[in-house]
Amino acid sequence: MVVPPDALDPDVLIPILRDADGRFRRAYGATGRCAYLVRPDGYVGYRQAPIDTARLVAHLGATFA
């Protein structure tokens, strides 16, 4: 999970990276509360704004079923 440098620590079980210099935000055009799934080759596999947990979980279930 990539979060802004001033974000509170989310209560999640995945690694958290702080976008201290804004590089991720600039590269992907991230604004506000949004979710991106970035493939290992750097392409965006899924984008969502605002975040809808149920839709995100459904996408992951369909992708990795």
N, C-alpha and C. Protein backbone atom coordinates (compact mmCIF):
# COMPACT_ATOMS: atom_id res chain seq x y z
N MET A 1 0.85 -1.15 0.00
CA MET A 1 0.00 0.00 0.00
C MET A 1 0.90 1.22 0.00
N VAL A 2 0.63 2.14 -0.91
CA VAL A 2 1.38 3.40 -0.97
C VAL A 2 0.48 4.49 -0.40
N VAL A 3 1.00 5.22 0.55
CA VAL A 3 0.22 6.28 1.21
C VAL A 3 1.01 7.59 1.16
N PRO A 4 0.31 8.72 1.27
CA PRO A 4 1.01 10.01 1.33
C PRO A 4 1.91 10.07 2.57
N PRO A 5 2.89 10.94 2.55
CA PRO A 5 3.83 11.00 3.66
C PRO A 5 3.18 11.37 4.99
N ASP A 6 2.07 12.11 4.96
CA ASP A 6 1.43 12.56 6.20
C ASP A 6 0.23 11.71 6.62
N ALA A 7 -0.01 10.58 5.93
CA ALA A 7 -1.16 9.73 6.24
C ALA A 7 -0.95 9.01 7.57
N LEU A 8 -2.06 8.80 8.27
CA LEU A 8 -2.01 7.98 9.48
C LEU A 8 -1.74 6.54 9.07
N ASP A 9 -1.13 5.77 9.94
CA ASP A 9 -0.85 4.37 9.63
C ASP A 9 -2.16 3.60 9.54
N PRO A 10 -2.47 3.06 8.35
CA PRO A 10 -3.70 2.27 8.24
C PRO A 10 -3.54 0.93 8.96
N ASP A 11 -4.65 0.39 9.41
CA ASP A 11 -4.65 -0.89 10.11
C ASP A 11 -4.82 -2.00 9.07
N VAL A 12 -3.74 -2.35 8.38
CA VAL A 12 -3.78 -3.35 7.31
C VAL A 12 -2.66 -4.37 7.53
N LEU A 13 -2.81 -5.52 6.89
CA LEU A 13 -1.82 -6.59 7.04
C LEU A 13 -0.89 -6.69 5.84
N ILE A 14 -0.75 -5.60 5.10
CA ILE A 14 0.16 -5.59 3.96
C ILE A 14 1.22 -4.51 4.19
N PRO A 15 2.34 -4.60 3.50
CA PRO A 15 3.39 -3.59 3.68
C PRO A 15 2.90 -2.19 3.27
N ILE A 16 3.37 -1.19 3.98
CA ILE A 16 3.00 0.19 3.70
C ILE A 16 4.26 0.95 3.26
N LEU A 17 4.14 1.64 2.14
CA LEU A 17 5.22 2.50 1.65
C LEU A 17 4.72 3.93 1.64
N ARG A 18 5.54 4.85 2.10
CA ARG A 18 5.18 6.27 2.08
C ARG A 18 5.74 6.91 0.82
N ASP A 19 4.88 7.61 0.11
CA ASP A 19 5.26 8.30 -1.12
C ASP A 19 5.86 9.66 -0.74
N ALA A 20 7.00 9.60 -0.09
CA ALA A 20 7.61 10.80 0.50
C ALA A 20 7.88 11.91 -0.50
N ASP A 21 8.32 11.56 -1.71
CA ASP A 21 8.64 12.60 -2.69
C ASP A 21 7.55 12.78 -3.74
N GLY A 22 6.41 12.07 -3.59
CA GLY A 22 5.30 12.22 -4.53
C GLY A 22 5.50 11.53 -5.87
N ARG A 23 6.50 10.69 -5.97
CA ARG A 23 6.81 10.03 -7.25
C ARG A 23 5.66 9.15 -7.74
N PHE A 24 5.08 8.34 -6.85
CA PHE A 24 3.96 7.48 -7.26
C PHE A 24 2.77 8.34 -7.70
N ARG A 25 2.45 9.34 -6.91
CA ARG A 25 1.32 10.22 -7.24
C ARG A 25 1.48 10.84 -8.61
N ARG A 26 2.67 11.33 -8.92
CA ARG A 26 2.91 11.95 -10.22
C ARG A 26 2.90 10.92 -11.35
N ALA A 27 3.51 9.78 -11.14
CA ALA A 27 3.61 8.77 -12.20
C ALA A 27 2.25 8.22 -12.60
N TYR A 28 1.35 8.05 -11.63
CA TYR A 28 0.06 7.43 -11.91
C TYR A 28 -1.11 8.41 -11.85
N GLY A 29 -0.85 9.67 -11.57
CA GLY A 29 -1.93 10.66 -11.53
C GLY A 29 -2.89 10.44 -10.38
N ALA A 30 -2.40 9.87 -9.29
CA ALA A 30 -3.25 9.56 -8.15
C ALA A 30 -3.66 10.84 -7.43
N THR A 31 -4.96 10.97 -7.17
CA THR A 31 -5.47 12.10 -6.41
C THR A 31 -6.52 11.60 -5.44
N GLY A 32 -6.60 12.21 -4.29
CA GLY A 32 -7.60 11.82 -3.31
C GLY A 32 -7.46 10.37 -2.88
N ARG A 33 -8.55 9.82 -2.39
CA ARG A 33 -8.56 8.42 -1.95
C ARG A 33 -8.87 7.55 -3.15
N CYS A 34 -7.89 6.78 -3.57
CA CYS A 34 -8.06 5.93 -4.73
C CYS A 34 -7.26 4.64 -4.53
N ALA A 35 -7.57 3.66 -5.36
CA ALA A 35 -6.86 2.39 -5.28
C ALA A 35 -6.31 2.06 -6.66
N TYR A 36 -5.07 1.64 -6.71
CA TYR A 36 -4.43 1.19 -7.94
C TYR A 36 -3.84 -0.18 -7.69
N LEU A 37 -4.00 -1.08 -8.64
CA LEU A 37 -3.27 -2.33 -8.63
C LEU A 37 -2.29 -2.23 -9.78
N VAL A 38 -1.02 -2.21 -9.45
CA VAL A 38 0.02 -2.05 -10.46
C VAL A 38 0.68 -3.41 -10.68
N ARG A 39 0.65 -3.83 -11.94
CA ARG A 39 1.24 -5.12 -12.29
C ARG A 39 2.76 -5.06 -12.13
N PRO A 40 3.41 -6.20 -12.05
CA PRO A 40 4.88 -6.21 -11.91
C PRO A 40 5.61 -5.52 -13.06
N ASP A 41 4.97 -5.44 -14.24
CA ASP A 41 5.61 -4.77 -15.38
C ASP A 41 5.35 -3.26 -15.38
N GLY A 42 4.69 -2.75 -14.32
CA GLY A 42 4.48 -1.31 -14.18
C GLY A 42 3.17 -0.80 -14.75
N TYR A 43 2.43 -1.64 -15.46
CA TYR A 43 1.14 -1.21 -16.00
C TYR A 43 0.06 -1.26 -14.92
N VAL A 44 -0.90 -0.35 -15.03
CA VAL A 44 -2.01 -0.35 -14.09
C VAL A 44 -2.99 -1.45 -14.51
N GLY A 45 -3.24 -2.39 -13.59
CA GLY A 45 -4.17 -3.47 -13.86
C GLY A 45 -5.58 -3.14 -13.42
N TYR A 46 -5.72 -2.19 -12.51
CA TYR A 46 -7.03 -1.81 -11.98
C TYR A 46 -6.89 -0.47 -11.29
N ARG A 47 -7.90 0.40 -11.48
CA ARG A 47 -7.91 1.70 -10.79
C ARG A 47 -9.32 1.95 -10.31
N GLN A 48 -9.42 2.54 -9.15
CA GLN A 48 -10.74 2.81 -8.58
C GLN A 48 -10.70 4.09 -7.74
N ALA A 49 -11.68 4.95 -7.96
CA ALA A 49 -11.83 6.15 -7.14
C ALA A 49 -13.30 6.54 -7.11
N PRO A 50 -13.89 6.68 -5.95
CA PRO A 50 -13.31 6.41 -4.64
C PRO A 50 -13.21 4.90 -4.40
N ILE A 51 -12.57 4.55 -3.32
CA ILE A 51 -12.35 3.14 -3.00
C ILE A 51 -13.65 2.49 -2.57
N ASP A 52 -13.95 1.36 -3.20
CA ASP A 52 -15.12 0.54 -2.85
C ASP A 52 -14.57 -0.87 -2.59
N THR A 53 -14.44 -1.22 -1.33
CA THR A 53 -13.80 -2.47 -0.94
C THR A 53 -14.47 -3.68 -1.58
N ALA A 54 -15.79 -3.71 -1.62
CA ALA A 54 -16.50 -4.86 -2.19
C ALA A 54 -16.16 -5.04 -3.67
N ARG A 55 -16.13 -3.95 -4.42
CA ARG A 55 -15.77 -4.04 -5.85
C ARG A 55 -14.33 -4.47 -6.04
N LEU A 56 -13.44 -3.96 -5.21
CA LEU A 56 -12.03 -4.34 -5.30
C LEU A 56 -11.85 -5.82 -5.01
N VAL A 57 -12.49 -6.32 -3.98
CA VAL A 57 -12.41 -7.75 -3.63
C VAL A 57 -13.00 -8.60 -4.76
N ALA A 58 -14.12 -8.16 -5.35
CA ALA A 58 -14.72 -8.89 -6.46
C ALA A 58 -13.77 -8.95 -7.65
N HIS A 59 -13.09 -7.83 -7.94
CA HIS A 59 -12.12 -7.81 -9.05
C HIS A 59 -10.98 -8.80 -8.77
N LEU A 60 -10.45 -8.76 -7.57
CA LEU A 60 -9.36 -9.67 -7.23
C LEU A 60 -9.82 -11.13 -7.31
N GLY A 61 -11.05 -11.41 -6.86
CA GLY A 61 -11.57 -12.77 -6.94
C GLY A 61 -11.69 -13.24 -8.38
N ALA A 62 -12.14 -12.36 -9.27
CA ALA A 62 -12.27 -12.72 -10.68
C ALA A 62 -10.91 -12.87 -11.35
N THR A 63 -9.97 -12.05 -10.96
CA THR A 63 -8.64 -12.08 -11.57
C THR A 63 -7.84 -13.29 -11.12
N PHE A 64 -7.92 -13.62 -9.85
CA PHE A 64 -7.08 -14.69 -9.30
C PHE A 64 -7.86 -15.96 -8.98
N ALA A 65 -9.04 -16.13 -9.60
CA ALA A 65 -9.86 -17.32 -9.33
C ALA A 65 -9.25 -18.57 -9.95
